[in-house]
Amino acid sequence: MPEAVLQIETDAGHGVRRLLLDRPSCGNALSADLVAALAEAIDACIRDDVRRLVIEGAGRHFCTGMDLSGLDEETDDSLLARFVRIELLLQAVHQAPFETVAIAHGRAAGAGADLFAACRRRLIRGDASFAFPGAAGFGLVLGTRRLATLVGGDTAQAWIRSGCWIEADEALAAGLAHARIDAVESLEVPSAHPPDTRTQLLLDQAMQDPRTADLDLALLARSAARPGLKQRIQEYAARVRAARQQ
């Protein structure tokens, strides 16, 4: 039987659905199966007229990025296809016709941090840290414009260029996250303060203008299509492993 990678819980009385990323042994890294399951779940939410979608992660972390455990078997082309599917998933979350809520804990890195940023309401449970290492690590442009809309161009550029870890307090101060919450025992989550008028206008424009989505996809494809993607990711992964051993 295929691995169960996503738990789905529905509170039909309140129009709320909860998706739990369920690959805790690998930090809920985004495998091809998990990305496909998430995309299918978003489509189902649209068909079922869900009003609110809550996304969380099982285990110690929210989502540690794209799953690279089978990197040796990948090619530049297969990696490009996987990143395109991730971007299309992020766009579906970002443009969803219902409220999307991400509740992060532990680490949210790479595509996992982008998934968090794609949601309209972004909450931290316990402690959490975020990183966007794709551009600095292996030259991939993913989610940059969405992040800049949330935290401002200068801050987004600094985070992306450095690939540094952003702790919870900094994420809250910059606007990446809205608030801290206690452990959630039901599908109901507290309301966040609405963004200021200028930010809301930018968010609405980003979600409604198809040219924004097209440009995001074009930027990703252009960066990922540059020859040597697999080698760049392998070198990045080697640097990460070496840093952990120091």
Protein backbone atom coordinates (compact mmCIF):
# COMPACT_ATOMS: atom_id res chain seq x y z
CA MET A 1 0.00 0.00 0.00
CA PRO A 2 1.21 3.56 -0.68
CA GLU A 3 2.50 5.58 2.23
CA ALA A 4 -0.18 7.65 4.00
CA VAL A 5 1.30 11.12 3.75
CA LEU A 6 -1.64 13.40 4.55
CA GLN A 7 -4.35 13.22 7.20
CA ILE A 8 -7.62 14.99 6.42
CA GLU A 9 -10.18 15.96 9.06
CA THR A 10 -13.42 17.81 8.38
CA ASP A 11 -15.71 19.76 10.67
CA ALA A 12 -18.66 19.97 8.29
CA GLY A 13 -20.77 21.97 10.72
CA HIS A 14 -18.34 24.88 10.57
CA GLY A 15 -17.14 24.40 6.99
CA VAL A 16 -13.59 23.76 8.21
CA ARG A 17 -11.09 21.20 6.94
CA ARG A 18 -7.72 20.35 8.47
CA LEU A 19 -4.77 18.92 6.57
CA LEU A 20 -2.01 17.35 8.63
CA LEU A 21 1.27 16.73 6.79
CA ASP A 22 2.07 13.23 8.00
CA ARG A 23 5.69 12.39 7.29
CA PRO A 24 7.15 13.15 10.74
CA SER A 25 10.16 10.85 10.35
CA CYS A 26 11.55 13.16 7.64
CA GLY A 27 10.27 16.49 8.94
CA ASN A 28 7.19 16.38 6.66
CA ALA A 29 9.42 17.02 3.66
CA LEU A 30 7.46 17.45 0.44
CA SER A 31 7.70 14.18 -1.48
CA ALA A 32 6.06 13.89 -4.88
CA ASP A 33 3.24 11.91 -3.26
CA LEU A 34 2.66 14.55 -0.57
CA VAL A 35 2.58 17.39 -3.12
CA ALA A 36 0.06 15.42 -5.21
CA ALA A 37 -2.06 14.67 -2.12
CA LEU A 38 -2.06 18.34 -1.11
CA ALA A 39 -3.03 19.47 -4.60
CA GLU A 40 -5.88 16.96 -4.67
CA ALA A 41 -7.00 18.09 -1.20
CA ILE A 42 -7.12 21.75 -2.31
CA ASP A 43 -9.26 20.78 -5.30
CA ALA A 44 -11.58 18.82 -2.99
CA CYS A 45 -11.95 21.85 -0.71
CA ILE A 46 -13.14 23.90 -3.69
CA ARG A 47 -15.64 21.21 -4.74
CA ASP A 48 -16.93 20.85 -1.19
CA ASP A 49 -17.35 24.60 -0.55
CA VAL A 50 -14.99 24.56 2.42
CA ARG A 51 -14.85 27.93 4.18
CA ARG A 52 -11.58 27.48 6.06
CA LEU A 53 -8.58 25.24 5.49
CA VAL A 54 -6.07 24.67 8.31
CA ILE A 55 -2.64 23.22 7.45
CA GLU A 56 -0.36 21.75 10.14
CA GLY A 57 2.50 19.29 10.38
CA ALA A 58 2.83 16.10 12.44
CA GLY A 59 5.81 15.48 14.69
CA ARG A 60 8.55 17.98 15.49
CA HIS A 61 8.35 20.23 12.43
CA PHE A 62 5.83 21.92 10.16
CA CYS A 63 7.65 21.15 6.89
CA THR A 64 11.38 21.04 6.21
CA GLY A 65 11.15 21.64 2.45
CA MET A 66 11.32 19.47 -0.63
CA ASP A 67 12.15 15.82 0.00
CA LEU A 68 15.61 15.14 -1.46
CA SER A 69 16.04 11.63 -0.09
CA GLY A 70 16.04 10.16 -3.61
CA LEU A 71 18.26 12.83 -5.13
CA ASP A 72 20.68 10.33 -6.68
CA GLU A 73 17.88 8.98 -8.89
CA GLU A 74 16.70 12.43 -9.98
CA THR A 75 17.72 14.34 -13.12
CA ASP A 76 17.69 18.05 -13.86
CA ASP A 77 14.45 17.55 -15.77
CA SER A 78 12.68 15.52 -13.07
CA LEU A 79 13.69 18.07 -10.43
CA LEU A 80 12.40 20.90 -12.61
CA ALA A 81 9.05 19.09 -12.95
CA ARG A 82 8.83 18.59 -9.18
CA PHE A 83 9.55 22.24 -8.45
CA VAL A 84 6.94 23.33 -11.01
CA ARG A 85 4.35 21.13 -9.28
CA ILE A 86 5.28 22.67 -5.94
CA GLU A 87 4.88 26.18 -7.35
CA LEU A 88 1.48 25.27 -8.80
CA LEU A 89 0.47 23.90 -5.38
CA LEU A 90 1.60 27.13 -3.69
CA GLN A 91 -0.40 29.15 -6.20
CA ALA A 92 -3.50 27.03 -5.54
CA VAL A 93 -3.16 27.66 -1.80
CA HIS A 94 -2.47 31.36 -2.29
CA GLN A 95 -5.42 31.88 -4.66
CA ALA A 96 -7.87 29.60 -2.86
CA PRO A 97 -11.45 30.94 -2.67
CA PHE A 98 -11.58 30.18 1.06
CA GLU A 99 -9.58 31.15 4.12
CA THR A 100 -6.28 29.32 4.42
CA VAL A 101 -4.57 29.07 7.81
CA ALA A 102 -1.06 27.70 8.40
CA ILE A 103 -0.03 26.74 11.93
CA ALA A 104 3.74 26.25 12.09
CA HIS A 105 5.94 24.74 14.75
CA GLY A 106 9.52 23.55 14.76
CA ARG A 107 11.17 24.22 11.41
CA ALA A 108 9.61 25.49 8.21
CA ALA A 109 12.26 25.62 5.51
CA GLY A 110 12.43 26.05 1.76
CA ALA A 111 9.19 24.97 0.11
CA GLY A 112 7.79 24.37 3.61
CA ALA A 113 8.34 28.03 4.51
CA ASP A 114 6.83 28.97 1.13
CA LEU A 115 3.75 26.87 1.94
CA PHE A 116 3.41 28.76 5.22
CA ALA A 117 3.80 32.10 3.43
CA ALA A 118 1.21 31.16 0.79
CA CYS A 119 -1.56 31.00 3.40
CA ARG A 120 -3.63 34.05 4.24
CA ARG A 121 -3.36 33.59 7.99
CA ARG A 122 -0.10 32.41 9.44
CA LEU A 123 0.18 31.33 13.08
CA ILE A 124 2.98 29.95 15.25
CA ARG A 125 2.33 27.23 17.81
CA GLY A 126 5.04 26.84 20.41
CA ASP A 127 8.33 27.77 18.81
CA ALA A 128 9.11 27.96 15.11
CA SER A 129 11.87 29.09 12.79
CA PHE A 130 11.83 29.73 9.06
CA ALA A 131 14.39 29.71 6.23
CA PHE A 132 14.30 30.40 2.50
CA PRO A 133 17.60 28.88 1.29
CA GLY A 134 16.73 28.06 -2.33
CA ALA A 135 18.23 31.11 -4.04
CA ALA A 136 21.41 31.27 -1.96
CA GLY A 137 21.78 27.50 -1.70
CA PHE A 138 21.25 26.34 -5.27
CA GLY A 139 19.97 29.25 -7.35
CA LEU A 140 16.23 28.53 -7.26
CA VAL A 141 13.64 31.33 -7.31
CA LEU A 142 10.54 30.03 -5.50
CA GLY A 143 7.94 32.13 -3.68
CA THR A 144 10.03 35.32 -3.72
CA ARG A 145 7.26 37.68 -4.78
CA ARG A 146 4.76 36.26 -2.30
CA LEU A 147 7.26 36.66 0.52
CA ALA A 148 8.09 40.23 -0.52
CA THR A 149 4.38 41.09 -0.45
CA LEU A 150 4.23 39.97 3.17
CA VAL A 151 7.42 41.37 4.67
CA GLY A 152 8.61 44.00 2.17
CA GLY A 153 11.15 43.74 -0.60
CA ASP A 154 14.22 44.65 1.47
CA THR A 155 13.51 42.15 4.22
CA ALA A 156 12.60 39.39 1.77
CA GLN A 157 15.77 40.01 -0.22
CA ALA A 158 17.92 39.91 2.92
CA TRP A 159 16.36 36.64 4.09
CA ILE A 160 16.61 35.02 0.67
CA ARG A 161 20.16 36.15 -0.09
CA SER A 162 21.48 34.96 3.26
CA GLY A 163 19.38 31.80 3.57
CA CYS A 164 19.47 32.47 7.33
CA TRP A 165 17.10 31.09 9.94
CA ILE A 166 14.39 33.52 11.00
CA GLU A 167 13.27 32.98 14.56
CA ALA A 168 9.66 33.34 15.67
CA ASP A 169 9.95 36.84 17.12
CA GLU A 170 11.52 38.19 13.92
CA ALA A 171 8.91 36.43 11.78
CA LEU A 172 6.14 38.02 13.85
CA ALA A 173 7.71 41.48 13.79
CA ALA A 174 8.21 41.37 10.02
CA GLY A 175 4.71 40.14 9.21
CA LEU A 176 5.59 36.64 8.03
CA ALA A 177 3.50 35.34 10.93
CA HIS A 178 0.45 36.98 12.48
CA ALA A 179 0.43 35.62 16.02
CA ARG A 180 1.44 32.93 18.48
CA ILE A 181 -1.24 30.54 19.65
CA ASP A 182 -1.47 27.78 22.21
CA ALA A 183 -2.02 24.17 21.24
CA VAL A 184 -5.14 23.86 19.11
CA GLU A 185 -7.49 21.08 20.18
CA SER A 186 -10.18 21.73 17.57
CA LEU A 187 -10.45 23.04 14.03
CA GLU A 188 -11.43 26.46 15.34
CA VAL A 189 -8.53 28.94 15.50
CA PRO A 190 -8.57 32.51 16.83
CA SER A 191 -9.04 35.42 14.47
CA ALA A 192 -5.94 37.41 13.56
CA HIS A 193 -5.81 41.18 13.32
CA PRO A 194 -6.52 42.21 9.72
CA PRO A 195 -3.58 43.66 7.78
CA ASP A 196 -3.48 47.40 7.17
CA THR A 197 -5.27 48.75 4.11
CA ARG A 198 -2.18 49.07 1.89
CA THR A 199 -1.05 45.52 2.66
CA GLN A 200 -4.53 44.15 2.09
CA LEU A 201 -4.70 45.84 -1.31
CA LEU A 202 -1.38 44.28 -2.31
CA LEU A 203 -2.50 40.87 -1.10
CA ASP A 204 -5.79 41.12 -2.97
CA GLN A 205 -4.01 42.19 -6.15
CA ALA A 206 -1.48 39.36 -5.86
CA MET A 207 -4.22 36.78 -5.40
CA GLN A 208 -6.46 38.08 -8.17
CA ASP A 209 -4.00 39.06 -10.91
CA PRO A 210 -3.17 35.97 -13.02
CA ARG A 211 -0.11 37.73 -14.41
CA THR A 212 1.46 37.53 -10.95
CA ALA A 213 1.09 33.74 -10.92
CA ASP A 214 2.42 33.50 -14.47
CA LEU A 215 5.46 35.56 -13.58
CA ASP A 216 6.16 33.50 -10.45
CA LEU A 217 6.06 30.32 -12.52
CA ALA A 218 8.26 31.84 -15.23
CA LEU A 219 10.86 32.98 -12.66
CA LEU A 220 10.93 29.52 -11.09
CA ALA A 221 11.20 27.71 -14.43
CA ARG A 222 13.97 30.00 -15.65
CA SER A 223 16.03 29.49 -12.50
CA ALA A 224 15.44 25.73 -12.32
CA ALA A 225 16.05 25.15 -16.03
CA ARG A 226 19.62 26.43 -15.83
CA PRO A 227 21.85 23.37 -16.45
CA GLY A 228 23.31 21.67 -13.39
CA LEU A 229 20.31 21.90 -11.02
CA LYS A 230 20.89 18.43 -9.58
CA GLN A 231 24.58 19.12 -9.01
CA ARG A 232 23.84 22.45 -7.33
CA ILE A 233 21.37 20.78 -4.97
CA GLN A 234 23.82 17.97 -4.22
CA GLU A 235 26.52 20.50 -3.37
CA TYR A 236 24.10 22.43 -1.18
CA ALA A 237 23.05 19.26 0.66
CA ALA A 238 26.70 18.38 1.23
CA ARG A 239 27.35 21.82 2.73
CA VAL A 240 24.37 21.43 5.06
CA ARG A 241 25.58 18.02 6.23
CA ALA A 242 29.09 19.34 6.84
CA ALA A 243 27.78 22.31 8.83
CA ARG A 244 25.74 19.97 11.07
CA GLN A 245 28.85 17.93 11.84
CA GLN A 246 30.88 20.92 13.00
